[in-house]
Amino acid sequence: MSGHMTPEEFRRYGKQVIDWIADYQQGIESYPVRSRVRPGEVLAGLPEHPPERGEGFEGILADLDRVIMPGVTHWQHPGFFAYFPANASGPAILGDLLSAGLGVQGMLWATGPACTELETRVADWLAELLDLPGRFRGNGVIQDSASSACLVAILAALHRAGGGEPARAGVTRRHTLYISSQTHSSLEKAARIVGIGSAGVRVVDVDPRTLAMDPAHLDALLSEDRAAGMLPVMVCATVGTTSTTAVDPVAAIGEVCRRHGVWLHVDAAYAGVAAVCPEMRWINDGLAGYADSYATDPHKWLLTNFDCSLLWTADRAPMIGALSILPEYLRNQASSSGEVIDYRDWQIPLGRRFRALKLWSVIRWYGAEGLREHIRTGVRLARDLASWIGADPAFELLDHHPFGLVCFRPRWEGLDDGEADEATLRLMERLNDSGDLYLTHTKVGGRVLLRMAIGAPATGDRHVRAAWDRIREETDKGPCW
């Protein structure tokens, strides 16, 4: 078989693919949550060499079931509690399909006017839904991930701190970036990429009880570094850390940043979308007065399939100054007019997908009410789980659980701390091997805690209750060495 797929063939196979996805979603509970394949098993099921002649689509669908599916860990499974959710919903999937079908490359307004202007509008819609500061309106852009968002923010901050010199001459003096031990690892990676280096990353103390960044220690570090001739570039405050969803005191950190003239980036990758609910808008405290940039991920907890991360800046000029390069082949009348946005200047790559279509589809399908209901369901289920754990003397609960994540550990009687941590990790592996649920762990104060993150669209009361019952059942067996 050769040649392009005809519209009739596309229609026929496309219906089969849609049916396959619908059947998968309907029967997802029949799969073990975590894939059970061993390393290399999927690779061994694939031909070593590509086909000489086209094979048609039937074989692709057959091999999807035979080879690929055994190697899939099911992020949309109602028993998936391992990492922060990666929501995929029907409207988002269809919006992504439309994006793929149009095949738009929206690097410039001229190459995709609708791609650009829809993105501007949905970024403003989301800012309104989350009640973000007015100065972010018109200054939002969709990135592939919060990792890219923080990299763009550091480049913008570096441009501002250095008066534009880093873009021309490179990083020629010692710069510093400020995070805490709880900050996402992407910040240190970004520091390496931009030339600050790991040695320029300052780790600010945290409150040992709340794990929130200590503004007083931040102030001291900034003063020390300036006195030593270094140039502070950016501070990253986190709203909802990956480990435990700790929340840094943004307003207090912002006051420190203002005194020192340092860019404040707020990473709310997971928790930021919770502000769609008015009762959760306490997480926005300090943004209006102090945040230079802010990022949150609809692709985690807001029913929009990966990848879709929103970055807003209070002032777009430093970002564009850091990232804009205009070769002759990209010059065009619309860009020269100054009347349009060219989002190529707001991101690392040149090319960009029509991601706004899926977020547009989600917001229009669910509306504010539907989005709030989804977030509130996750918060309520986490609260229920925490109440069961807190009432069971055989377990210890980490008190902080305002979102969809609950952290806890068994109280292993008769074991020292090291043995207890090993027993907890072995318990987690037994649970994950069961196929019924999937958990991860973290460490707080040197002790291992289990993490149970709730937020998959299919997860309901019975799934959380069943997971808790299974955890208690396995724990009652005692440590298994």
Protein backbone atom coordinates (compact mmCIF):
# COMPACT_ATOMS: atom_id res chain seq x y z
CA MET A 1 0.00 0.00 0.00
CA SER A 2 1.28 3.51 -0.82
CA GLY A 3 0.07 7.03 -1.31
CA HIS A 4 -1.72 9.46 0.92
CA MET A 5 -4.73 8.48 2.99
CA THR A 6 -7.81 9.62 1.13
CA PRO A 7 -10.56 11.59 2.86
CA GLU A 8 -12.78 8.50 2.67
CA GLU A 9 -10.09 6.31 4.26
CA PHE A 10 -9.47 8.95 6.90
CA ARG A 11 -13.18 9.05 7.69
CA ARG A 12 -13.38 5.26 8.01
CA TYR A 13 -10.27 4.80 10.13
CA GLY A 14 -10.93 7.98 12.09
CA LYS A 15 -14.26 6.56 13.26
CA GLN A 16 -12.46 3.39 14.34
CA VAL A 17 -9.94 5.44 16.34
CA ILE A 18 -12.68 7.48 18.03
CA ASP A 19 -14.52 4.27 18.89
CA TRP A 20 -11.29 2.77 20.22
CA ILE A 21 -10.68 5.79 22.50
CA ALA A 22 -14.30 5.77 23.71
CA ASP A 23 -14.10 2.04 24.46
CA TYR A 24 -10.80 2.58 26.27
CA GLN A 25 -12.24 5.29 28.47
CA GLN A 26 -15.35 3.23 29.18
CA GLY A 27 -13.36 0.17 30.19
CA ILE A 28 -10.30 1.77 31.73
CA GLU A 29 -10.90 0.20 35.14
CA SER A 30 -10.26 -3.24 33.64
CA TYR A 31 -6.55 -2.42 33.23
CA PRO A 32 -3.89 -2.57 35.95
CA VAL A 33 -3.09 1.05 36.76
CA ARG A 34 0.67 0.70 36.37
CA SER A 35 2.13 -1.13 33.40
CA ARG A 36 3.54 -4.55 34.25
CA VAL A 37 6.01 -4.87 31.36
CA ARG A 38 9.70 -5.29 32.01
CA PRO A 39 12.33 -3.00 30.47
CA GLY A 40 12.75 -3.81 26.78
CA GLU A 41 9.54 -5.82 26.50
CA VAL A 42 7.72 -3.31 24.28
CA LEU A 43 10.86 -2.82 22.21
CA ALA A 44 11.10 -6.59 21.66
CA GLY A 45 7.55 -6.60 20.29
CA LEU A 46 8.38 -4.06 17.58
CA PRO A 47 10.08 -4.92 14.29
CA GLU A 48 13.75 -4.00 14.23
CA HIS A 49 13.48 -2.40 10.78
CA PRO A 50 10.85 -0.13 9.22
CA PRO A 51 8.49 -1.57 6.57
CA GLU A 52 9.52 -1.22 2.95
CA ARG A 53 5.91 -0.90 1.81
CA GLY A 54 2.98 0.76 3.55
CA GLU A 55 0.97 -1.66 5.65
CA GLY A 56 -2.36 0.06 6.09
CA PHE A 57 -4.05 1.15 9.29
CA GLU A 58 -5.62 -2.14 10.41
CA GLY A 59 -2.24 -3.48 11.44
CA ILE A 60 -1.49 -0.32 13.40
CA LEU A 61 -4.66 -0.69 15.45
CA ALA A 62 -3.96 -4.39 15.98
CA ASP A 63 -0.44 -3.70 17.24
CA LEU A 64 -1.74 -0.92 19.45
CA ASP A 65 -3.64 -3.56 21.40
CA ARG A 66 -0.99 -6.28 21.14
CA VAL A 67 2.26 -4.36 21.76
CA ILE A 68 1.58 -0.84 23.00
CA MET A 69 -1.24 -1.22 25.51
CA PRO A 70 0.61 -3.65 27.81
CA GLY A 71 3.27 -0.94 28.16
CA VAL A 72 0.88 1.87 29.03
CA THR A 73 0.51 3.20 32.57
CA HIS A 74 -3.04 4.51 32.75
CA TRP A 75 -2.98 8.10 33.95
CA GLN A 76 -6.74 8.46 33.50
CA HIS A 77 -7.49 5.36 35.60
CA PRO A 78 -9.62 6.18 38.67
CA GLY A 79 -7.01 4.35 40.77
CA PHE A 80 -4.15 6.55 39.56
CA PHE A 81 -2.96 8.52 42.59
CA ALA A 82 0.79 8.55 41.94
CA TYR A 83 1.59 11.97 40.51
CA PHE A 84 -0.42 15.12 40.10
CA PRO A 85 -3.21 14.32 37.64
CA ALA A 86 -2.77 14.75 33.90
CA ASN A 87 -6.42 15.32 33.05
CA ALA A 88 -7.72 14.29 29.64
CA SER A 89 -11.34 15.03 28.85
CA GLY A 90 -13.50 14.47 25.80
CA PRO A 91 -13.68 18.16 24.80
CA ALA A 92 -9.90 18.53 25.15
CA ILE A 93 -9.19 15.42 23.09
CA LEU A 94 -11.50 16.63 20.33
CA GLY A 95 -9.96 20.09 20.47
CA ASP A 96 -6.52 18.55 20.07
CA LEU A 97 -7.81 16.49 17.15
CA LEU A 98 -9.06 19.65 15.46
CA SER A 99 -5.66 21.24 16.02
CA ALA A 100 -3.95 18.24 14.45
CA GLY A 101 -6.39 18.24 11.56
CA LEU A 102 -5.82 21.90 10.78
CA GLY A 103 -2.05 21.45 11.00
CA VAL A 104 -1.48 25.13 11.82
CA GLN A 105 2.02 26.29 12.71
CA GLY A 106 1.33 29.48 14.62
CA MET A 107 4.79 30.93 15.05
CA LEU A 108 3.64 34.32 13.73
CA TRP A 109 0.30 36.09 13.62
CA ALA A 110 0.68 35.99 9.85
CA THR A 111 1.05 32.20 9.80
CA GLY A 112 -2.04 31.68 11.96
CA PRO A 113 -4.17 34.72 12.85
CA ALA A 114 -6.84 32.58 14.53
CA CYS A 115 -4.19 30.54 16.38
CA THR A 116 -2.74 33.72 17.83
CA GLU A 117 -5.91 35.61 18.65
CA LEU A 118 -7.76 32.63 20.14
CA GLU A 119 -4.77 32.07 22.43
CA THR A 120 -4.85 35.68 23.56
CA ARG A 121 -8.56 35.38 24.31
CA VAL A 122 -8.47 32.06 26.20
CA ALA A 123 -5.47 33.20 28.25
CA ASP A 124 -7.55 36.20 29.31
CA TRP A 125 -10.56 33.94 29.94
CA LEU A 126 -8.50 31.78 32.27
CA ALA A 127 -7.04 34.81 34.02
CA GLU A 128 -10.60 35.97 34.66
CA LEU A 129 -11.74 32.54 35.83
CA LEU A 130 -8.83 32.41 38.30
CA ASP A 131 -9.27 36.06 39.32
CA LEU A 132 -5.67 36.92 38.47
CA PRO A 133 -4.39 40.51 38.60
CA GLY A 134 -5.57 42.83 35.85
CA ARG A 135 -2.02 43.54 34.67
CA PHE A 136 -1.76 39.93 33.47
CA ARG A 137 -4.59 40.47 30.95
CA GLY A 138 -3.28 40.53 27.41
CA ASN A 139 0.05 39.14 28.64
CA GLY A 140 -0.69 35.39 28.71
CA VAL A 141 0.84 32.67 26.55
CA ILE A 142 0.49 28.90 26.38
CA GLN A 143 3.73 26.98 26.96
CA ASP A 144 4.23 23.23 26.74
CA SER A 145 4.95 22.90 30.47
CA ALA A 146 5.68 24.84 33.64
CA SER A 147 9.34 23.89 33.10
CA SER A 148 9.37 25.94 29.90
CA ALA A 149 7.39 28.69 31.60
CA CYS A 150 9.99 29.06 34.36
CA LEU A 151 12.80 29.03 31.78
CA VAL A 152 11.14 31.87 29.87
CA ALA A 153 10.62 33.74 33.15
CA ILE A 154 14.31 33.40 34.07
CA LEU A 155 15.35 34.68 30.64
CA ALA A 156 13.05 37.67 31.02
CA ALA A 157 14.34 38.32 34.54
CA LEU A 158 17.95 37.99 33.36
CA HIS A 159 17.26 40.45 30.54
CA ARG A 160 15.80 42.98 32.97
CA ALA A 161 18.48 42.54 35.62
CA GLY A 162 21.28 42.90 33.09
CA GLY A 163 19.78 45.77 31.13
CA GLY A 164 19.65 43.60 28.02
CA GLU A 165 23.37 42.82 28.12
CA PRO A 166 23.02 39.02 28.57
CA ALA A 167 21.19 38.75 25.24
CA ARG A 168 24.06 40.54 23.51
CA ALA A 169 27.18 39.46 25.37
CA GLY A 170 26.04 36.41 27.31
CA VAL A 171 26.26 35.84 31.05
CA THR A 172 29.53 37.56 31.85
CA ARG A 173 29.21 37.97 35.62
CA ARG A 174 27.97 35.87 38.51
CA HIS A 175 24.18 35.74 38.73
CA THR A 176 22.01 34.10 41.37
CA LEU A 177 18.58 32.42 41.45
CA TYR A 178 16.63 31.81 44.67
CA ILE A 179 14.53 28.72 45.37
CA SER A 180 13.75 26.52 48.37
CA SER A 181 14.37 22.83 48.99
CA GLN A 182 10.74 22.28 47.96
CA THR A 183 10.94 24.10 44.61
CA HIS A 184 10.51 22.02 41.48
CA SER A 185 13.73 20.68 39.97
CA SER A 186 13.01 22.44 36.67
CA LEU A 187 14.25 25.69 38.22
CA GLU A 188 17.76 24.33 38.73
CA LYS A 189 17.70 22.87 35.23
CA ALA A 190 16.67 26.26 33.86
CA ALA A 191 19.54 27.89 35.77
CA ARG A 192 21.95 25.51 34.06
CA ILE A 193 20.45 26.22 30.64
CA VAL A 194 20.65 30.02 30.88
CA GLY A 195 24.22 29.98 32.21
CA ILE A 196 23.61 30.84 35.87
CA GLY A 197 24.67 27.30 36.72
CA SER A 198 23.90 25.16 39.71
CA ALA A 199 26.50 27.08 41.72
CA GLY A 200 24.39 30.21 41.30
CA VAL A 201 21.26 28.60 42.75
CA ARG A 202 20.63 29.67 46.34
CA VAL A 203 18.46 27.40 48.48
CA VAL A 204 16.38 29.39 50.95
CA ASP A 205 15.41 27.83 54.28
CA VAL A 206 11.86 26.62 54.82
CA ASP A 207 9.66 26.56 57.89
CA PRO A 208 10.19 23.01 59.23
CA ARG A 209 6.49 22.70 60.02
CA THR A 210 4.86 24.13 56.87
CA LEU A 211 7.80 23.67 54.44
CA ALA A 212 7.11 27.20 53.16
CA MET A 213 9.98 29.47 52.13
CA ASP A 214 11.39 31.71 54.89
CA PRO A 215 11.30 35.36 53.73
CA ALA A 216 13.80 36.47 56.39
CA HIS A 217 16.41 34.00 55.16
CA LEU A 218 15.71 35.06 51.57
CA ASP A 219 16.34 38.69 52.58
CA ALA A 220 19.62 37.73 54.22
CA LEU A 221 20.82 35.73 51.20
CA LEU A 222 20.00 38.55 48.79
CA SER A 223 21.89 41.05 50.94
CA GLU A 224 24.91 38.74 51.26
CA ASP A 225 25.06 38.05 47.53
CA ARG A 226 24.79 41.69 46.55
CA ALA A 227 27.55 42.55 49.03
CA ALA A 228 29.70 39.84 47.41
CA GLY A 229 29.25 41.43 43.98
CA MET A 230 26.70 38.99 42.60
CA LEU A 231 23.62 39.98 40.60
CA PRO A 232 20.38 38.39 41.89
CA VAL A 233 18.11 37.56 38.95
CA MET A 234 14.94 35.87 40.14
CA VAL A 235 13.15 34.40 43.14
CA CYS A 236 10.71 31.53 42.58
CA ALA A 237 7.86 31.18 45.06
CA THR A 238 5.69 28.07 44.82
CA VAL A 239 1.98 27.70 45.39
CA GLY A 240 1.50 23.96 45.85
CA THR A 241 4.89 22.24 45.87
CA THR A 242 5.28 18.87 44.18
CA SER A 243 6.31 17.06 47.34
CA THR A 244 3.52 18.10 49.73
CA THR A 245 1.66 21.08 48.13
CA ALA A 246 3.28 23.52 50.55
CA VAL A 247 2.43 27.17 49.84
CA ASP A 248 5.11 29.85 50.02
CA PRO A 249 4.12 33.25 51.52
CA VAL A 250 4.01 35.14 48.23
CA ALA A 251 3.21 38.56 49.71
CA ALA A 252 6.06 38.46 52.23
CA ILE A 253 8.47 37.12 49.61
CA GLY A 254 7.26 39.82 47.22
CA GLU A 255 8.10 42.55 49.70
CA VAL A 256 11.64 41.21 49.94
CA CYS A 257 11.93 41.05 46.14
CA ARG A 258 10.70 44.62 45.78
CA ARG A 259 13.27 45.93 48.27
CA HIS A 260 16.05 44.19 46.37
CA GLY A 261 14.70 44.87 42.87
CA VAL A 262 14.48 41.18 42.01
CA TRP A 263 12.00 39.49 39.65
CA LEU A 264 9.40 37.32 41.43
CA HIS A 265 8.11 34.29 39.55
CA VAL A 266 5.26 32.33 41.10
CA ASP A 267 5.07 28.66 40.14
CA ALA A 268 1.53 27.40 40.71
CA ALA A 269 1.77 24.60 38.16
CA TYR A 270 -0.51 22.21 40.04
CA ALA A 271 -2.54 24.26 42.49
CA GLY A 272 -3.12 27.50 40.61
CA VAL A 273 -6.18 26.27 38.73
CA ALA A 274 -7.93 25.69 42.08
CA ALA A 275 -8.57 29.45 42.13
CA VAL A 276 -11.40 28.84 39.67
CA CYS A 277 -13.31 28.24 42.94
CA PRO A 278 -13.86 31.50 44.86
CA GLU A 279 -13.23 29.75 48.19
CA MET A 280 -9.73 28.79 47.00
CA ARG A 281 -8.63 32.25 45.91
CA TRP A 282 -6.55 32.71 49.04
CA ILE A 283 -3.81 31.12 46.95
CA ASN A 284 -3.65 34.36 44.94
CA ASP A 285 -2.58 36.45 47.94
CA GLY A 286 0.36 38.63 46.96
CA LEU A 287 0.09 38.20 43.20
CA ALA A 288 -1.45 41.58 42.45
CA GLY A 289 1.18 43.58 44.26
CA TYR A 290 4.36 41.64 43.62
CA ALA A 291 4.38 38.89 40.94
CA ASP A 292 6.31 39.64 37.75
CA SER A 293 5.30 36.31 36.23
CA TYR A 294 2.94 33.48 37.09
CA ALA A 295 2.40 29.98 35.72
CA THR A 296 -0.22 27.27 36.14
CA ASP A 297 -1.05 24.09 34.21
CA PRO A 298 -4.57 23.37 32.94
CA HIS A 299 -3.10 20.04 31.80
CA LYS A 300 -2.75 18.89 35.38
CA TRP A 301 -6.06 19.50 37.15
CA LEU A 302 -8.28 21.46 34.76
CA LEU A 303 -9.48 18.80 32.31
CA THR A 304 -7.15 19.82 29.48
CA ASN A 305 -4.91 17.10 28.12
CA PHE A 306 -1.16 17.56 28.03
CA ASP A 307 0.46 19.85 26.96
CA CYS A 308 -1.03 23.17 28.07
CA SER A 309 0.73 25.44 30.59
CA LEU A 310 -0.19 29.11 30.97
CA LEU A 311 2.42 31.78 31.65
CA TRP A 312 1.48 35.38 32.37
CA THR A 313 3.83 38.33 32.78
CA ALA A 314 3.06 41.71 34.27
CA ASP A 315 5.30 43.31 31.63
CA ARG A 316 5.97 41.47 28.39
CA ALA A 317 8.83 43.74 27.27
CA PRO A 318 11.71 41.94 29.09
CA MET A 319 10.51 38.56 27.77
CA ILE A 320 10.31 39.77 24.18
CA GLY A 321 13.62 41.58 24.54
CA ALA A 322 15.27 38.36 25.67
CA LEU A 323 13.73 36.09 23.04
CA SER A 324 13.02 38.12 19.89
CA ILE A 325 15.24 37.48 16.89
CA LEU A 326 13.96 38.53 13.46
CA PRO A 327 15.64 36.96 10.44
CA GLU A 328 14.64 38.26 7.03
CA TYR A 329 12.54 35.21 6.18
CA LEU A 330 10.17 35.92 9.09
CA ARG A 331 9.61 39.59 8.28
CA ASN A 332 6.07 40.44 7.21
CA GLN A 333 3.74 43.40 7.04
CA ALA A 334 1.59 42.40 10.03
CA SER A 335 4.56 42.03 12.37
CA SER A 336 6.07 45.30 11.14
CA SER A 337 2.82 47.14 11.83
CA GLY A 338 3.13 46.51 15.58
CA GLU A 339 -0.58 45.69 15.72
CA VAL A 340 -0.24 41.94 16.34
CA ILE A 341 1.35 39.47 18.74
CA ASP A 342 3.94 37.06 17.41
CA TYR A 343 4.04 34.33 20.06
CA ARG A 344 7.35 33.02 18.72
CA ASP A 345 8.88 35.80 20.84
CA TRP A 346 7.19 34.49 24.00
CA GLN A 347 8.71 30.98 24.03
CA ILE A 348 11.91 28.99 23.44
CA PRO A 349 11.11 27.25 20.12
CA LEU A 350 10.13 29.05 16.92
CA GLY A 351 7.27 26.74 15.95
CA ARG A 352 4.09 26.35 17.99
CA ARG A 353 0.99 24.19 17.97
CA PHE A 354 -2.60 25.43 18.03
CA ARG A 355 -2.93 24.50 21.72
CA ALA A 356 -5.58 27.12 22.40
CA LEU A 357 -8.21 25.03 20.63
CA LYS A 358 -8.29 22.38 23.35
CA LEU A 359 -8.41 24.89 26.21
CA TRP A 360 -11.13 26.81 24.36
CA SER A 361 -13.07 23.56 23.93
CA VAL A 362 -12.75 22.71 27.63
CA ILE A 363 -13.83 26.12 28.90
CA ARG A 364 -16.81 26.25 26.54
CA TRP A 365 -17.93 22.67 27.27
CA TYR A 366 -17.70 22.81 31.07
CA GLY A 367 -18.17 26.50 31.74
CA ALA A 368 -17.02 27.99 35.03
CA GLU A 369 -19.54 25.88 36.96
CA GLY A 370 -18.30 22.59 35.53
CA LEU A 371 -14.65 23.47 36.13
CA ARG A 372 -15.42 24.41 39.73
CA GLU A 373 -17.28 21.17 40.29
CA HIS A 374 -14.28 19.17 39.10
CA ILE A 375 -11.87 20.98 41.44
CA ARG A 376 -14.27 20.82 44.36
CA THR A 377 -14.73 17.08 43.87
CA GLY A 378 -10.97 16.52 44.09
CA VAL A 379 -10.68 18.70 47.20
CA ARG A 380 -13.62 16.95 48.88
CA LEU A 381 -12.31 13.46 48.13
CA ALA A 382 -8.90 14.42 49.53
CA ARG A 383 -10.56 15.83 52.64
CA ASP A 384 -12.52 12.60 53.10
CA LEU A 385 -9.39 10.50 52.73
CA ALA A 386 -7.52 12.70 55.22
CA SER A 387 -10.34 12.31 57.74
CA TRP A 388 -10.13 8.50 57.51
CA ILE A 389 -6.36 8.54 57.90
CA GLY A 390 -6.51 10.97 60.80
CA ALA A 391 -9.02 8.78 62.61
CA ASP A 392 -6.88 5.65 62.30
CA PRO A 393 -4.23 5.35 65.05
CA ALA A 394 -2.20 3.03 62.82
CA PHE A 395 -1.36 5.94 60.50
CA GLU A 396 0.22 9.38 60.73
CA LEU A 397 -1.23 12.20 58.58
CA LEU A 398 0.60 15.27 57.28
CA ASP A 399 -1.79 18.00 58.35
CA HIS A 400 -1.44 20.19 55.24
CA HIS A 401 -3.86 18.98 52.53
CA PRO A 402 -5.83 21.95 51.08
CA PHE A 403 -5.90 20.63 47.50
CA GLY A 404 -6.10 17.10 46.13
CA LEU A 405 -2.91 15.64 47.64
CA VAL A 406 -2.77 13.74 50.93
CA CYS A 407 0.53 12.61 52.48
CA PHE A 408 0.70 10.00 55.23
CA ARG A 409 2.58 6.96 56.55
CA PRO A 410 1.89 3.88 58.64
CA ARG A 411 3.08 3.84 62.26
CA TRP A 412 5.15 0.66 62.22
CA GLU A 413 5.34 -0.51 65.83
CA GLY A 414 8.69 -1.85 66.98
CA LEU A 415 10.72 -0.53 64.03
CA ASP A 416 13.34 2.18 64.09
CA ASP A 417 13.04 5.06 61.61
CA GLY A 418 15.14 3.44 58.91
CA GLU A 419 13.29 0.14 59.14
CA ALA A 420 9.95 1.94 59.16
CA ASP A 421 10.84 3.87 56.03
CA GLU A 422 11.91 0.67 54.28
CA ALA A 423 8.67 -1.00 55.33
CA THR A 424 6.67 1.93 53.93
CA LEU A 425 8.47 1.75 50.59
CA ARG A 426 7.89 -2.02 50.41
CA LEU A 427 4.21 -1.45 51.20
CA MET A 428 3.99 1.04 48.35
CA GLU A 429 5.52 -1.41 45.89
CA ARG A 430 3.09 -4.15 46.95
CA LEU A 431 0.18 -1.78 46.42
CA ASN A 432 1.49 -0.64 43.04
CA ASP A 433 2.16 -4.22 41.93
CA SER A 434 -1.45 -5.12 42.70
CA GLY A 435 -2.69 -3.12 39.70
CA ASP A 436 -5.53 -1.68 41.77
CA LEU A 437 -3.88 1.65 42.54
CA TYR A 438 -0.67 3.56 42.01
CA LEU A 439 1.05 5.72 44.67
CA THR A 440 4.35 7.55 44.96
CA HIS A 441 6.36 8.72 47.96
CA THR A 442 8.25 11.72 49.25
CA LYS A 443 10.42 12.56 52.26
CA VAL A 444 9.61 15.14 54.92
CA GLY A 445 12.02 15.65 57.82
CA GLY A 446 14.00 12.68 56.51
CA ARG A 447 11.03 10.31 56.84
CA VAL A 448 9.23 8.55 53.99
CA LEU A 449 5.61 9.53 53.37
CA LEU A 450 3.17 8.08 50.86
CA ARG A 451 1.61 10.55 48.42
CA MET A 452 -1.96 10.04 47.21
CA ALA A 453 -2.92 12.63 44.58
CA ILE A 454 -6.61 12.73 43.69
CA GLY A 455 -7.92 14.43 40.58
CA ALA A 456 -8.46 12.08 37.64
CA PRO A 457 -11.83 12.84 35.97
CA ALA A 458 -13.02 9.25 36.52
CA THR A 459 -12.11 9.09 40.22
CA GLY A 460 -15.08 9.07 42.57
CA ASP A 461 -15.94 8.23 46.16
CA ARG A 462 -15.88 4.47 45.68
CA HIS A 463 -12.41 4.54 44.14
CA VAL A 464 -10.89 6.54 46.99
CA ARG A 465 -12.63 4.33 49.56
CA ALA A 466 -11.44 1.17 47.80
CA ALA A 467 -7.88 2.50 47.68
CA TRP A 468 -7.92 3.32 51.40
CA ASP A 469 -9.33 -0.11 52.24
CA ARG A 470 -6.59 -1.75 50.18
CA ILE A 471 -3.90 0.35 51.90
CA ARG A 472 -5.19 -0.64 55.34
CA GLU A 473 -5.46 -4.29 54.32
CA GLU A 474 -1.85 -4.41 53.12
CA THR A 475 -0.62 -2.48 56.16
CA ASP A 476 -2.38 -4.89 58.53
CA LYS A 477 -0.16 -7.67 57.12
CA GLY A 478 2.78 -5.92 58.77
CA PRO A 479 6.19 -5.12 57.27
CA CYS A 480 7.17 -7.67 54.65
CA TRP A 481 10.91 -8.05 54.21
